[in-house]
Amino acid sequence: MSDLLDRLRGRGWRMTAQRRVVAEVLDGDHVHLTADEVHALAVAKLPEISRATVYNTLGELVTLGEVLEVSTDRRAKRYDPNAHRPHQHLICARCGAIRDVHPAGNPLADLPDTERFGFVVSAVEVTYRGVCPNCAAA
């Protein structure tokens, strides 16, 4: 499980019932839900939660750096609670399933000085694409 709830409590983030439900829905490993998926799961736990509250809470969590916003081409943005664990993503080109992966090596160090064009590089995002086992079997 991710430690999203613990991190938010540790920051003193005001934990309303709505915020708690959104954080609970996002908590876990390999969680990459769209805002609409977060809303649907949150409504199952707290029927009165509004779509606007879910969107606003997701925006706050991204701004706080507690949740990553993952864009995968033309698909809806997804929200990843594993913001404090360095990782890359493996995405199915057919269904859009996303998994966190931890490749060996350091992609930042792998970029030669001649390819940096004077940039001071501070971060690297690598996305692996392929077909998941479910789609490959279909």
C-alpha atoms as a PDB file:
ATOM      1  CA  MET A   1       0.000   0.000   0.000  1.00  0.00           C
ATOM      2  CA  SER A   2       1.119   3.544  -0.555  1.00  0.00           C
ATOM      3  CA  ASP A   3       1.451   5.705   2.505  1.00  0.00           C
ATOM      4  CA  LEU A   4      -0.701   8.550   1.177  1.00  0.00           C
ATOM      5  CA  LEU A   5      -3.000   8.802   4.208  1.00  0.00           C
ATOM      6  CA  ASP A   6      -0.060   8.799   6.621  1.00  0.00           C
ATOM      7  CA  ARG A   7       1.759  11.457   4.583  1.00  0.00           C
ATOM      8  CA  LEU A   8      -1.305  13.700   4.539  1.00  0.00           C
ATOM      9  CA  ARG A   9      -1.879  13.329   8.281  1.00  0.00           C
ATOM     10  CA  GLY A  10       1.807  14.055   8.891  1.00  0.00           C
ATOM     11  CA  ARG A  11       1.481  17.307   6.941  1.00  0.00           C
ATOM     12  CA  GLY A  12      -1.470  18.366   9.073  1.00  0.00           C
ATOM     13  CA  TRP A  13      -3.747  18.389   6.033  1.00  0.00           C
ATOM     14  CA  ARG A  14      -7.294  19.034   7.200  1.00  0.00           C
ATOM     15  CA  MET A  15      -8.916  15.634   6.802  1.00  0.00           C
ATOM     16  CA  THR A  16     -12.589  16.243   6.026  1.00  0.00           C
ATOM     17  CA  ALA A  17     -14.756  13.214   5.278  1.00  0.00           C
ATOM     18  CA  GLN A  18     -14.596  14.021   1.554  1.00  0.00           C
ATOM     19  CA  ARG A  19     -10.801  14.412   1.486  1.00  0.00           C
ATOM     20  CA  ARG A  20     -10.362  11.227   3.513  1.00  0.00           C
ATOM     21  CA  VAL A  21     -12.493   9.229   1.065  1.00  0.00           C
ATOM     22  CA  VAL A  22     -10.560  10.544  -1.952  1.00  0.00           C
ATOM     23  CA  ALA A  23      -7.261   9.684  -0.248  1.00  0.00           C
ATOM     24  CA  GLU A  24      -8.550   6.221   0.673  1.00  0.00           C
ATOM     25  CA  VAL A  25      -9.617   5.566  -2.922  1.00  0.00           C
ATOM     26  CA  LEU A  26      -6.152   6.573  -4.162  1.00  0.00           C
ATOM     27  CA  ASP A  27      -4.216   4.648  -1.537  1.00  0.00           C
ATOM     28  CA  GLY A  28      -2.316   1.597  -2.794  1.00  0.00           C
ATOM     29  CA  ASP A  29       0.355   0.379  -5.176  1.00  0.00           C
ATOM     30  CA  HIS A  30      -0.169   0.516  -8.949  1.00  0.00           C
ATOM     31  CA  VAL A  31      -3.117   2.896  -8.510  1.00  0.00           C
ATOM     32  CA  HIS A  32      -3.610   5.063 -11.590  1.00  0.00           C
ATOM     33  CA  LEU A  33      -7.244   6.134 -11.577  1.00  0.00           C
ATOM     34  CA  THR A  34      -8.923   8.816 -13.673  1.00  0.00           C
ATOM     35  CA  ALA A  35     -10.823  11.566 -11.865  1.00  0.00           C
ATOM     36  CA  ASP A  36     -14.100   9.934 -12.917  1.00  0.00           C
ATOM     37  CA  GLU A  37     -12.959   6.580 -11.520  1.00  0.00           C
ATOM     38  CA  VAL A  38     -11.959   8.260  -8.255  1.00  0.00           C
ATOM     39  CA  HIS A  39     -15.382   9.909  -8.120  1.00  0.00           C
ATOM     40  CA  ALA A  40     -17.253   6.636  -8.770  1.00  0.00           C
ATOM     41  CA  LEU A  41     -15.311   4.814  -6.051  1.00  0.00           C
ATOM     42  CA  ALA A  42     -15.677   7.742  -3.644  1.00  0.00           C
ATOM     43  CA  VAL A  43     -19.458   7.871  -4.187  1.00  0.00           C
ATOM     44  CA  ALA A  44     -19.634   4.191  -3.233  1.00  0.00           C
ATOM     45  CA  LYS A  45     -18.072   5.112   0.138  1.00  0.00           C
ATOM     46  CA  LEU A  46     -19.643   8.541   0.611  1.00  0.00           C
ATOM     47  CA  PRO A  47     -22.737   8.996  -1.606  1.00  0.00           C
ATOM     48  CA  GLU A  48     -23.001  12.761  -1.098  1.00  0.00           C
ATOM     49  CA  ILE A  49     -19.495  13.564  -2.405  1.00  0.00           C
ATOM     50  CA  SER A  50     -19.645  15.761  -5.500  1.00  0.00           C
ATOM     51  CA  ARG A  51     -17.614  15.506  -8.679  1.00  0.00           C
ATOM     52  CA  ALA A  52     -16.341  19.056  -8.072  1.00  0.00           C
ATOM     53  CA  THR A  53     -15.057  18.095  -4.618  1.00  0.00           C
ATOM     54  CA  VAL A  54     -13.200  15.115  -6.084  1.00  0.00           C
ATOM     55  CA  TYR A  55     -11.633  17.249  -8.836  1.00  0.00           C
ATOM     56  CA  ASN A  56     -10.677  19.992  -6.358  1.00  0.00           C
ATOM     57  CA  THR A  57      -9.170  17.471  -3.935  1.00  0.00           C
ATOM     58  CA  LEU A  58      -7.161  15.822  -6.713  1.00  0.00           C
ATOM     59  CA  GLY A  59      -5.872  19.254  -7.746  1.00  0.00           C
ATOM     60  CA  GLU A  60      -4.834  20.011  -4.162  1.00  0.00           C
ATOM     61  CA  LEU A  61      -3.049  16.662  -3.832  1.00  0.00           C
ATOM     62  CA  VAL A  62      -1.124  17.303  -7.062  1.00  0.00           C
ATOM     63  CA  THR A  63      -0.210  20.836  -5.950  1.00  0.00           C
ATOM     64  CA  LEU A  64       1.005  19.469  -2.607  1.00  0.00           C
ATOM     65  CA  GLY A  65       3.194  16.973  -4.488  1.00  0.00           C
ATOM     66  CA  GLU A  66       1.446  14.051  -2.775  1.00  0.00           C
ATOM     67  CA  VAL A  67      -0.077  12.657  -5.974  1.00  0.00           C
ATOM     68  CA  LEU A  68       1.349  12.590  -9.495  1.00  0.00           C
ATOM     69  CA  GLU A  69      -0.746  13.495 -12.511  1.00  0.00           C
ATOM     70  CA  VAL A  70       0.046  10.998 -15.278  1.00  0.00           C
ATOM     71  CA  SER A  71      -0.841  11.854 -18.871  1.00  0.00           C
ATOM     72  CA  THR A  72      -0.894   9.005 -21.358  1.00  0.00           C
ATOM     73  CA  ASP A  73      -1.336  10.441 -24.841  1.00  0.00           C
ATOM     74  CA  ARG A  74      -4.961  11.194 -25.653  1.00  0.00           C
ATOM     75  CA  ARG A  75      -6.375   9.352 -22.663  1.00  0.00           C
ATOM     76  CA  ALA A  76      -7.748  10.951 -19.498  1.00  0.00           C
ATOM     77  CA  LYS A  77      -5.226  12.056 -16.887  1.00  0.00           C
ATOM     78  CA  ARG A  78      -4.606   9.518 -14.161  1.00  0.00           C
ATOM     79  CA  TYR A  79      -3.607  10.067 -10.557  1.00  0.00           C
ATOM     80  CA  ASP A  80      -0.724   8.160  -8.955  1.00  0.00           C
ATOM     81  CA  PRO A  81      -0.306   8.257  -5.150  1.00  0.00           C
ATOM     82  CA  ASN A  82       3.265   6.938  -5.287  1.00  0.00           C
ATOM     83  CA  ALA A  83       4.702  10.429  -5.661  1.00  0.00           C
ATOM     84  CA  HIS A  84       7.581   9.863  -3.248  1.00  0.00           C
ATOM     85  CA  ARG A  85       8.881   6.609  -4.696  1.00  0.00           C
ATOM     86  CA  PRO A  86      10.958   7.080  -7.849  1.00  0.00           C
ATOM     87  CA  HIS A  87       9.495   4.952 -10.632  1.00  0.00           C
ATOM     88  CA  GLN A  88       8.572   4.875 -14.283  1.00  0.00           C
ATOM     89  CA  HIS A  89       5.401   3.644 -15.976  1.00  0.00           C
ATOM     90  CA  LEU A  90       4.576   0.692 -18.210  1.00  0.00           C
ATOM     91  CA  ILE A  91       1.443   1.392 -20.269  1.00  0.00           C
ATOM     92  CA  CYS A  92      -0.671  -0.959 -22.377  1.00  0.00           C
ATOM     93  CA  ALA A  93      -1.142   0.584 -25.815  1.00  0.00           C
ATOM     94  CA  ARG A  94      -4.541  -1.105 -26.174  1.00  0.00           C
ATOM     95  CA  CYS A  95      -6.448  -0.787 -22.894  1.00  0.00           C
ATOM     96  CA  GLY A  96      -4.354   1.900 -21.155  1.00  0.00           C
ATOM     97  CA  ALA A  97      -3.512  -0.202 -18.075  1.00  0.00           C
ATOM     98  CA  ILE A  98      -0.604   1.307 -16.154  1.00  0.00           C
ATOM     99  CA  ARG A  99       1.912  -0.378 -13.869  1.00  0.00           C
ATOM    100  CA  ASP A 100       4.702   1.209 -11.845  1.00  0.00           C
ATOM    101  CA  VAL A 101       8.112  -0.172 -12.779  1.00  0.00           C
ATOM    102  CA  HIS A 102      11.542   0.290 -11.256  1.00  0.00           C
ATOM    103  CA  PRO A 103      14.179  -0.249 -13.965  1.00  0.00           C
ATOM    104  CA  ALA A 104      17.800  -0.726 -13.001  1.00  0.00           C
ATOM    105  CA  GLY A 105      20.236   2.059 -13.740  1.00  0.00           C
ATOM    106  CA  ASN A 106      19.958   5.813 -13.672  1.00  0.00           C
ATOM    107  CA  PRO A 107      18.396   7.330 -16.818  1.00  0.00           C
ATOM    108  CA  LEU A 108      19.566  10.800 -15.743  1.00  0.00           C
ATOM    109  CA  ALA A 109      23.174   9.644 -15.653  1.00  0.00           C
ATOM    110  CA  ASP A 110      22.742   7.732 -18.926  1.00  0.00           C
ATOM    111  CA  LEU A 111      22.267  10.939 -20.930  1.00  0.00           C
ATOM    112  CA  PRO A 112      25.715  11.881 -22.256  1.00  0.00           C
ATOM    113  CA  ASP A 113      26.931  15.460 -21.806  1.00  0.00           C
ATOM    114  CA  THR A 114      26.986  15.852 -25.589  1.00  0.00           C
ATOM    115  CA  GLU A 115      23.238  15.220 -25.677  1.00  0.00           C
ATOM    116  CA  ARG A 116      22.315  17.684 -22.926  1.00  0.00           C
ATOM    117  CA  PHE A 117      22.796  20.792 -25.125  1.00  0.00           C
ATOM    118  CA  GLY A 118      23.777  22.882 -22.121  1.00  0.00           C
ATOM    119  CA  PHE A 119      20.681  21.940 -20.120  1.00  0.00           C
ATOM    120  CA  VAL A 120      20.998  21.315 -16.409  1.00  0.00           C
ATOM    121  CA  VAL A 121      18.800  18.214 -16.314  1.00  0.00           C
ATOM    122  CA  SER A 122      16.941  17.708 -13.047  1.00  0.00           C
ATOM    123  CA  ALA A 123      14.433  14.967 -13.825  1.00  0.00           C
ATOM    124  CA  VAL A 124      13.729  12.177 -16.277  1.00  0.00           C
ATOM    125  CA  GLU A 125      10.434  10.577 -17.252  1.00  0.00           C
ATOM    126  CA  VAL A 126      10.576   7.272 -19.078  1.00  0.00           C
ATOM    127  CA  THR A 127       7.424   5.578 -20.313  1.00  0.00           C
ATOM    128  CA  TYR A 128       7.488   1.985 -21.463  1.00  0.00           C
ATOM    129  CA  ARG A 129       4.715   0.978 -23.848  1.00  0.00           C
ATOM    130  CA  GLY A 130       3.545  -2.437 -24.873  1.00  0.00           C
ATOM    131  CA  VAL A 131       0.579  -4.782 -24.708  1.00  0.00           C
ATOM    132  CA  CYS A 132      -0.573  -6.213 -21.367  1.00  0.00           C
ATOM    133  CA  PRO A 133      -1.165  -9.964 -20.975  1.00  0.00           C
ATOM    134  CA  ASN A 134      -4.965  -9.542 -21.007  1.00  0.00           C
ATOM    135  CA  CYS A 135      -4.956  -7.647 -24.310  1.00  0.00           C
ATOM    136  CA  ALA A 136      -2.356  -9.980 -25.831  1.00  0.00           C
ATOM    137  CA  ALA A 137      -4.571 -12.968 -24.997  1.00  0.00           C
ATOM    138  CA  ALA A 138      -7.683 -11.377 -26.531  1.00  0.00           C
END
